[in-house]
């Protein structure tokens, strides 16, 4: 039996994946509007832009005093600047007073800066002279300890690109912008057909020569981990017409079909012939171990995969071929790193300083240059949300290190 290109032997894994992805048509993928509370793992179907400036006002990032930075120029612990305390701004309060030259106003983290203020002096760098006067023991630059209006996300800026699979930090950004519902692509529904005269339900008592169906449970769990909807069609005996009918119905009602065969050669041959009768075969086997008997085709324009009988081979073939196909079916844009889990090794693309004696965690953006991965630290004020949206992962600067050097290898924990 030959495939669509007239081949009879096993093809290379990268060629198999390319054939699968090229066969998937997403032009008619449906969309729906859902709450952001239900949106984790869903793929947005249109770009989302910020409807307003975030934050909507100049905001303090520290507990301290709102000041004019120019009033602190030259200030040190031994030669402080003296400022008159002229009030306090409570959380959630719009300041009615204006900050005058030589004055300071007490403010909490997140508080709205009064008109005239352009920096915040942390309590740690101030000392009370009396109830109405403080010493500023450190010089400040304009904008220090302040997030300016629109600094995080200006109005009209794209927050989330089309085809992005939403992570928890993406949902937090949407909530901060007042966006409580999003348009997402429909989750792929995937039929699971188990075949083989020796396969029985997991609840059955085993008789000699029979095997409980574990692959359908494995596949259903893997599909759910890939944000897809499993549809179990049950166990089919090795009857050609029965398999053909189940295959046709499953392809008509779902976006993909997975056929988990028994371990016998006859079961695999029947699956292959059924796919060829109802549609077409892309390839018969792949040069991969385990998983060589993996085959793929299309029925009613839907991808159909014939999986090996052994669970380990099923798991390998799912991760190597089915999962990437599901990402495309779900409308997810190609993002190599977002499809990975766990950790990767990369090199720092710039040096960073850290305070010895504390553990510091830094979000990073990963880029590939000349075949090597590089980590770009996303440094900025902790109150900004944009960094966690841009980041691919996080690195750790150990307690005993004063920083990381450019070119130094690091372990990146991917989000």
Protein backbone atom coordinates (compact mmCIF):
# COMPACT_ATOMS: atom_id res chain seq x y z
CA UNK A 1 0.00 0.00 0.00
CA UNK A 2 1.39 3.37 -1.02
CA UNK A 3 0.86 6.82 0.45
CA UNK A 4 -0.25 9.95 -1.42
CA UNK A 5 3.25 10.38 -2.87
CA UNK A 6 3.61 6.75 -3.89
CA UNK A 7 5.97 5.79 -1.03
CA UNK A 8 5.81 2.50 0.85
CA UNK A 9 8.54 2.88 3.52
CA UNK A 10 8.90 4.84 6.75
CA UNK A 11 9.56 8.57 6.41
CA UNK A 12 11.64 10.84 8.65
CA UNK A 13 9.94 12.44 11.67
CA UNK A 14 10.41 16.04 10.51
CA UNK A 15 8.86 15.19 7.13
CA UNK A 16 5.92 13.49 8.83
CA UNK A 17 5.23 16.54 10.99
CA UNK A 18 5.48 18.85 7.97
CA UNK A 19 2.92 16.75 6.05
CA UNK A 20 0.56 16.78 9.03
CA UNK A 21 0.71 20.53 9.57
CA UNK A 22 0.36 21.29 5.85
CA UNK A 23 -2.83 19.19 5.75
CA UNK A 24 -4.61 21.19 8.45
CA UNK A 25 -7.00 23.90 7.30
CA UNK A 26 -7.95 26.47 9.95
CA UNK A 27 -9.81 28.96 7.73
CA UNK A 28 -13.20 27.95 9.13
CA UNK A 29 -12.24 27.64 12.80
CA UNK A 30 -15.14 28.93 14.88
CA UNK A 31 -14.82 31.53 17.63
CA UNK A 32 -16.74 32.39 20.77
CA UNK A 33 -16.80 35.11 23.42
CA UNK A 34 -15.94 33.85 26.91
CA UNK A 35 -15.20 35.26 30.35
CA UNK A 36 -11.53 35.74 31.23
CA UNK A 37 -12.22 33.53 34.25
CA UNK A 38 -12.60 30.62 31.81
CA UNK A 39 -9.89 31.75 29.38
CA UNK A 40 -6.71 30.10 30.68
CA UNK A 41 -5.23 27.98 27.91
CA UNK A 42 -7.57 29.34 25.25
CA UNK A 43 -6.25 30.99 22.07
CA UNK A 44 -7.39 34.55 21.33
CA UNK A 45 -8.90 34.99 17.87
CA UNK A 46 -8.20 38.71 17.52
CA UNK A 47 -5.62 41.13 18.81
CA UNK A 48 -6.54 42.77 22.10
CA UNK A 49 -5.59 46.42 22.59
CA UNK A 50 -5.60 48.48 25.75
CA UNK A 51 -8.76 50.61 25.95
CA UNK A 52 -7.11 53.05 28.37
CA UNK A 53 -3.81 54.18 29.83
CA UNK A 54 -2.44 51.82 32.47
CA UNK A 55 -2.05 53.04 35.07
CA UNK A 56 -4.55 55.84 34.62
CA UNK A 57 -2.61 58.16 36.93
CA UNK A 58 0.92 58.72 38.23
CA UNK A 59 1.29 56.13 40.97
CA UNK A 60 3.72 55.50 43.81
CA UNK A 61 5.56 52.17 43.87
CA UNK A 62 6.76 52.58 47.45
CA UNK A 63 5.58 53.68 50.88
CA UNK A 64 7.13 57.06 51.53
CA UNK A 65 6.76 60.73 50.66
CA UNK A 66 5.72 62.32 47.36
CA UNK A 67 8.32 64.97 46.57
CA UNK A 68 9.83 67.12 43.87
CA UNK A 69 13.03 65.33 42.87
CA UNK A 70 14.81 68.67 42.52
CA UNK A 71 14.31 69.29 46.24
CA UNK A 72 16.50 66.26 47.01
CA UNK A 73 19.38 66.94 44.62
CA UNK A 74 22.68 66.58 46.50
CA UNK A 75 21.04 65.08 49.59
CA UNK A 76 23.04 62.47 51.53
CA UNK A 77 22.81 60.84 54.94
CA UNK A 78 25.32 63.31 56.33
CA UNK A 79 24.01 66.29 54.40
CA UNK A 80 20.23 65.82 54.12
CA UNK A 81 17.63 68.03 52.49
CA UNK A 82 14.86 69.31 54.75
CA UNK A 83 11.25 69.06 53.61
CA UNK A 84 8.05 70.23 55.27
CA UNK A 85 5.34 67.54 55.55
CA UNK A 86 2.08 69.06 54.36
CA UNK A 87 -0.39 66.19 54.39
CA UNK A 88 -1.12 62.56 53.56
CA UNK A 89 -2.71 60.82 50.58
CA UNK A 90 -4.90 57.86 51.49
CA UNK A 91 -5.24 54.81 49.25
CA UNK A 92 -7.91 55.27 46.59
CA UNK A 93 -8.00 59.00 47.21
CA UNK A 94 -7.64 61.67 44.52
CA UNK A 95 -5.31 64.30 46.03
CA UNK A 96 -6.87 67.71 46.36
CA UNK A 97 -3.67 69.44 47.41
CA UNK A 98 -0.78 70.47 45.20
CA UNK A 99 2.79 69.75 46.20
CA UNK A 100 4.74 72.97 46.62
CA UNK A 101 8.50 73.51 46.48
CA UNK A 102 10.24 72.32 49.63
CA UNK A 103 7.29 70.18 50.77
CA UNK A 104 6.58 66.44 51.03
CA UNK A 105 3.30 64.54 51.26
CA UNK A 106 3.03 61.11 52.90
CA UNK A 107 1.91 58.43 50.39
CA UNK A 108 1.41 54.64 50.33
CA UNK A 109 2.35 52.13 47.64
CA UNK A 110 -0.17 52.48 44.81
CA UNK A 111 -1.24 55.93 45.90
CA UNK A 112 -1.95 58.67 43.36
CA UNK A 113 0.75 61.34 43.19
CA UNK A 114 -0.43 64.88 43.80
CA UNK A 115 0.05 67.55 41.18
CA UNK A 116 3.60 68.90 41.33
CA UNK A 117 5.21 65.65 42.59
CA UNK A 118 7.54 63.66 40.32
CA UNK A 119 9.25 61.18 42.69
CA UNK A 120 8.73 59.25 45.92
CA UNK A 121 11.21 59.22 48.78
CA UNK A 122 11.15 55.84 50.55
CA UNK A 123 10.63 55.90 54.32
CA UNK A 124 13.99 54.10 54.66
CA UNK A 125 15.77 57.20 53.32
CA UNK A 126 13.95 59.72 55.49
CA UNK A 127 14.12 60.72 59.13
CA UNK A 128 11.64 62.73 61.13
CA UNK A 129 12.87 66.02 62.57
CA UNK A 130 9.55 66.81 64.22
CA UNK A 131 5.85 66.29 63.43
CA UNK A 132 6.01 68.57 60.40
CA UNK A 133 9.57 68.20 59.06
CA UNK A 134 11.64 65.34 57.60
CA UNK A 135 15.20 64.85 56.42
CA UNK A 136 15.64 63.48 52.90
CA UNK A 137 18.86 61.45 53.14
CA UNK A 138 19.11 60.45 49.50
CA UNK A 139 18.96 62.26 46.16
CA UNK A 140 16.18 61.20 43.78
CA UNK A 141 15.85 61.35 40.03
CA UNK A 142 12.57 62.50 38.43
CA UNK A 143 10.30 59.46 38.07
CA UNK A 144 12.05 57.43 40.78
CA UNK A 145 9.69 55.05 42.63
CA UNK A 146 6.88 56.22 40.37
CA UNK A 147 4.92 54.57 37.56
CA UNK A 148 3.76 57.31 35.24
CA UNK A 149 0.35 57.35 33.60
CA UNK A 150 0.37 54.97 30.62
CA UNK A 151 3.88 53.74 31.41
CA UNK A 152 2.75 50.15 31.78
CA UNK A 153 0.42 50.05 28.77
CA UNK A 154 -0.63 53.16 26.89
CA UNK A 155 -4.08 53.35 25.38
CA UNK A 156 -4.22 51.66 21.96
CA UNK A 157 -1.17 49.43 22.54
CA UNK A 158 -1.57 45.74 21.70
CA UNK A 159 -1.77 43.77 24.94
CA UNK A 160 -2.24 40.29 23.50
CA UNK A 161 -1.56 39.27 19.90
CA UNK A 162 -3.94 37.15 17.85
CA UNK A 163 -3.11 33.46 18.17
CA UNK A 164 -1.71 33.73 21.70
CA UNK A 165 -2.59 30.97 24.15
CA UNK A 166 -3.51 32.76 27.34
CA UNK A 167 -1.40 32.22 30.46
CA UNK A 168 -2.32 33.34 34.00
CA UNK A 169 -0.23 36.52 33.65
CA UNK A 170 -1.97 37.40 30.36
CA UNK A 171 -5.35 37.12 32.07
CA UNK A 172 -4.13 39.40 34.87
CA UNK A 173 -3.20 42.04 32.30
CA UNK A 174 -6.64 41.82 30.69
CA UNK A 175 -8.32 42.25 34.07
CA UNK A 176 -6.14 45.28 34.86
CA UNK A 177 -7.31 46.86 31.61
CA UNK A 178 -10.97 46.24 32.47
CA UNK A 179 -11.34 43.57 29.77
CA UNK A 180 -13.49 40.79 31.26
CA UNK A 181 -14.39 38.81 28.11
CA UNK A 182 -12.32 37.75 25.10
CA UNK A 183 -12.93 36.23 21.69
CA UNK A 184 -11.22 32.84 21.43
CA UNK A 185 -10.94 30.05 18.90
CA UNK A 186 -13.02 26.94 19.45
CA UNK A 187 -11.23 24.13 21.27
CA UNK A 188 -10.57 21.18 18.97
CA UNK A 189 -12.78 18.16 19.62
CA UNK A 190 -10.98 14.88 19.10
CA UNK A 191 -12.60 11.46 18.72
CA UNK A 192 -10.80 8.48 20.26
CA UNK A 193 -11.53 5.09 18.71
CA UNK A 194 -10.07 1.99 20.36
CA UNK A 195 -9.77 -1.11 18.16
CA UNK A 196 -8.66 -4.70 18.65
CA UNK A 197 -10.39 -7.98 19.49
CA UNK A 198 -8.09 -8.38 22.51
CA UNK A 199 -9.01 -4.96 24.01
CA UNK A 200 -11.64 -4.82 26.78
CA UNK A 201 -12.92 -1.97 29.00
CA UNK A 202 -10.76 -1.02 31.99
CA UNK A 203 -13.52 -2.12 34.36
CA UNK A 204 -13.65 -5.70 33.00
CA UNK A 205 -12.15 -8.69 34.74
CA UNK A 206 -9.33 -9.99 32.59
CA UNK A 207 -9.37 -13.39 30.95
CA UNK A 208 -6.26 -14.95 29.41
CA UNK A 209 -5.27 -13.24 26.15
CA UNK A 210 -7.17 -9.98 26.82
CA UNK A 211 -5.81 -6.51 27.55
CA UNK A 212 -7.58 -3.65 29.36
CA UNK A 213 -7.96 -0.45 27.37
CA UNK A 214 -5.49 2.01 28.87
CA UNK A 215 -4.61 3.97 25.72
CA UNK A 216 -7.95 5.77 25.49
CA UNK A 217 -7.47 7.05 29.06
CA UNK A 218 -3.91 8.10 28.25
CA UNK A 219 -5.03 9.93 25.11
CA UNK A 220 -7.99 11.62 26.81
CA UNK A 221 -5.72 12.96 29.55
CA UNK A 222 -3.15 14.14 27.00
CA UNK A 223 -5.85 15.87 24.97
CA UNK A 224 -7.08 17.71 28.03
CA UNK A 225 -3.50 18.79 28.80
CA UNK A 226 -3.39 20.16 25.24
CA UNK A 227 -6.59 22.19 25.90
CA UNK A 228 -8.64 19.98 23.58
CA UNK A 229 -11.89 18.10 24.13
CA UNK A 230 -11.68 14.27 24.05
CA UNK A 231 -14.67 12.33 22.72
CA UNK A 232 -14.41 8.62 23.49
CA UNK A 233 -16.13 6.46 20.86
CA UNK A 234 -15.56 3.19 22.67
CA UNK A 235 -13.90 -0.08 21.67
CA UNK A 236 -14.46 -1.43 18.15
CA UNK A 237 -13.90 -5.05 17.18
CA UNK A 238 -11.71 -5.81 14.18
CA UNK A 239 -14.57 -5.50 11.73
CA UNK A 240 -13.77 -3.48 8.63
CA UNK A 241 -17.21 -1.98 8.01
CA UNK A 242 -17.67 -1.11 11.68
CA UNK A 243 -14.36 0.72 11.74
CA UNK A 244 -15.13 2.53 8.48
CA UNK A 245 -18.49 3.72 9.80
CA UNK A 246 -16.99 4.86 13.13
CA UNK A 247 -14.22 6.65 11.26
CA UNK A 248 -16.66 8.47 8.96
CA UNK A 249 -18.98 9.54 11.80
CA UNK A 250 -16.07 10.66 13.99
CA UNK A 251 -14.51 12.75 11.21
CA UNK A 252 -17.86 14.37 10.43
CA UNK A 253 -18.55 15.34 14.05
CA UNK A 254 -15.03 16.24 15.28
CA UNK A 255 -11.90 18.13 14.29
CA UNK A 256 -9.52 15.16 14.58
CA UNK A 257 -9.66 11.38 14.99
CA UNK A 258 -7.25 9.20 16.94
CA UNK A 259 -7.38 5.44 16.41
CA UNK A 260 -5.68 3.46 19.13
CA UNK A 261 -5.06 0.00 17.70
CA UNK A 262 -4.40 -3.32 19.30
CA UNK A 263 -0.93 -4.79 19.09
CA UNK A 264 -1.68 -7.22 16.26
CA UNK A 265 -0.57 -6.63 12.67
CA UNK A 266 -4.08 -7.40 11.44
CA UNK A 267 -5.60 -4.57 13.51
CA UNK A 268 -3.12 -2.04 12.12
CA UNK A 269 -3.71 -3.19 8.53
CA UNK A 270 -7.47 -2.84 8.97
CA UNK A 271 -7.08 0.67 10.36
CA UNK A 272 -4.87 1.64 7.44
CA UNK A 273 -7.28 0.22 4.86
CA UNK A 274 -10.23 1.97 6.52
CA UNK A 275 -8.49 5.36 6.39
CA UNK A 276 -7.57 4.78 2.74
CA UNK A 277 -11.15 3.79 1.85
CA UNK A 278 -12.76 6.76 3.64
CA UNK A 279 -10.10 9.34 2.74
CA UNK A 280 -6.37 9.24 2.00
CA UNK A 281 -3.12 8.13 3.63
CA UNK A 282 -0.33 10.67 4.18
CA UNK A 283 2.25 8.15 5.37
CA UNK A 284 2.36 4.62 6.77
CA UNK A 285 5.18 4.72 9.30
CA UNK A 286 7.83 7.01 10.73
CA UNK A 287 11.54 6.59 11.42
CA UNK A 288 11.17 7.04 15.16
CA UNK A 289 11.61 4.76 18.16
CA UNK A 290 9.30 4.03 19.85
CA UNK A 291 6.40 4.79 17.52
CA UNK A 292 7.45 3.57 14.07
CA UNK A 293 3.96 2.14 13.24
CA UNK A 294 2.40 5.64 13.56
CA UNK A 295 0.35 6.47 10.46
CA UNK A 296 -1.58 9.53 9.34
CA UNK A 297 -4.23 10.42 6.80
CA UNK A 298 -7.30 12.57 6.28
CA UNK A 299 -11.01 11.75 6.24
CA UNK A 300 -13.55 14.46 5.31
CA UNK A 301 -10.60 16.86 5.35
CA UNK A 302 -9.90 16.10 9.04
CA UNK A 303 -6.58 14.70 10.29
CA UNK A 304 -6.74 11.04 11.31
CA UNK A 305 -3.94 9.29 13.17
CA UNK A 306 -3.39 5.59 13.67
CA UNK A 307 -1.41 5.14 16.86
CA UNK A 308 0.71 2.15 17.92
CA UNK A 309 -0.55 -0.29 20.51
CA UNK A 310 2.09 0.18 23.19
CA UNK A 311 1.37 3.02 25.67
CA UNK A 312 4.90 4.46 25.62
CA UNK A 313 4.82 4.65 21.82
CA UNK A 314 1.39 6.28 22.03
CA UNK A 315 2.72 8.94 24.41
CA UNK A 316 5.74 9.66 22.19
CA UNK A 317 3.68 9.94 19.00
CA UNK A 318 1.17 12.21 20.71
CA UNK A 319 3.83 14.65 21.87
CA UNK A 320 5.80 14.61 18.61
CA UNK A 321 2.96 14.76 16.08
CA UNK A 322 -0.54 15.09 17.57
CA UNK A 323 0.17 17.92 20.01
CA UNK A 324 1.69 20.22 17.32
CA UNK A 325 -1.32 19.46 15.09
CA UNK A 326 -3.66 20.45 17.91
CA UNK A 327 -1.81 23.74 18.39
CA UNK A 328 -2.41 24.60 14.75
CA UNK A 329 -6.02 23.42 14.87
CA UNK A 330 -6.64 25.64 17.90
CA UNK A 331 -5.39 28.73 16.04
CA UNK A 332 -2.23 29.14 18.11
CA UNK A 333 0.50 31.08 16.37
CA UNK A 334 3.87 29.45 15.98
CA UNK A 335 5.82 30.12 19.18
CA UNK A 336 8.46 27.50 19.75
CA UNK A 337 9.15 28.37 23.38
CA UNK A 338 5.52 28.67 24.45
CA UNK A 339 5.01 25.05 23.38
CA UNK A 340 7.80 23.84 25.68
CA UNK A 341 7.63 23.05 29.37
CA UNK A 342 10.16 22.74 32.17
CA UNK A 343 13.59 24.34 31.85
CA UNK A 344 16.04 25.28 29.10
CA UNK A 345 19.63 26.48 29.09
CA UNK A 346 20.48 29.87 27.63
CA UNK A 347 23.17 32.55 27.86
CA UNK A 348 22.74 36.01 29.31
CA UNK A 349 22.78 38.67 26.60
CA UNK A 350 23.82 41.37 29.08
CA UNK A 351 25.27 41.65 32.55
CA UNK A 352 23.00 42.36 35.50
CA UNK A 353 23.71 43.39 39.09
CA UNK A 354 22.11 41.75 42.12
CA UNK A 355 22.29 42.41 45.83
CA UNK A 356 24.40 39.77 47.60
CA UNK A 357 22.53 38.06 50.41
CA UNK A 358 19.14 37.73 48.76
CA UNK A 359 17.63 35.44 46.17
CA UNK A 360 16.60 37.42 43.09
CA UNK A 361 14.22 36.12 40.43
CA UNK A 362 14.26 37.88 37.06
CA UNK A 363 11.85 37.47 34.15
CA UNK A 364 13.54 36.98 30.78
CA UNK A 365 12.70 37.01 27.09
CA UNK A 366 14.36 34.24 25.05
CA UNK A 367 15.69 34.83 21.56
CA UNK A 368 17.59 32.52 19.22
CA UNK A 369 20.75 33.77 17.52
CA UNK A 370 22.97 31.61 15.34
CA UNK A 371 21.33 28.49 16.70
CA UNK A 372 21.91 29.45 20.35
CA UNK A 373 19.40 30.64 22.95
CA UNK A 374 19.98 33.97 24.70
CA UNK A 375 18.14 35.34 27.74
CA UNK A 376 17.30 39.04 27.83
CA UNK A 377 16.44 40.24 31.35
CA UNK A 378 13.22 42.24 31.49
CA UNK A 379 14.20 44.72 34.14
CA UNK A 380 11.75 47.31 35.37
CA UNK A 381 9.54 48.42 38.19
CA UNK A 382 7.83 45.56 39.99
CA UNK A 383 4.46 47.25 39.59
CA UNK A 384 4.56 46.92 35.79
CA UNK A 385 2.54 44.10 34.24
CA UNK A 386 4.06 44.36 30.76
CA UNK A 387 7.19 42.45 31.79
CA UNK A 388 5.32 39.28 32.79
CA UNK A 389 3.41 39.30 29.50
CA UNK A 390 6.58 39.62 27.40
CA UNK A 391 8.53 37.08 29.44
CA UNK A 392 9.10 33.50 28.31
CA UNK A 393 10.48 32.38 31.65
CA UNK A 394 12.39 33.27 34.80
CA UNK A 395 15.98 32.93 35.99
CA UNK A 396 17.41 32.84 39.48
CA UNK A 397 20.38 34.79 40.85
CA UNK A 398 21.56 32.79 43.89
CA UNK A 399 21.94 34.36 47.30
CA UNK A 400 25.75 34.41 47.19
CA UNK A 401 26.12 36.06 43.76
CA UNK A 402 26.37 39.77 43.06
CA UNK A 403 24.99 39.39 39.55
CA UNK A 404 25.34 37.57 36.24
CA UNK A 405 27.80 38.31 33.45
CA UNK A 406 27.01 38.69 29.75
CA UNK A 407 27.44 35.31 28.08
CA UNK A 408 27.06 33.40 31.35
CA UNK A 409 24.98 30.19 31.04
CA UNK A 410 21.72 30.21 33.02
CA UNK A 411 18.79 27.88 33.58
CA UNK A 412 15.46 29.36 32.50
CA UNK A 413 12.26 28.09 34.10
CA UNK A 414 9.72 28.41 31.30
CA UNK A 415 6.23 29.71 32.04
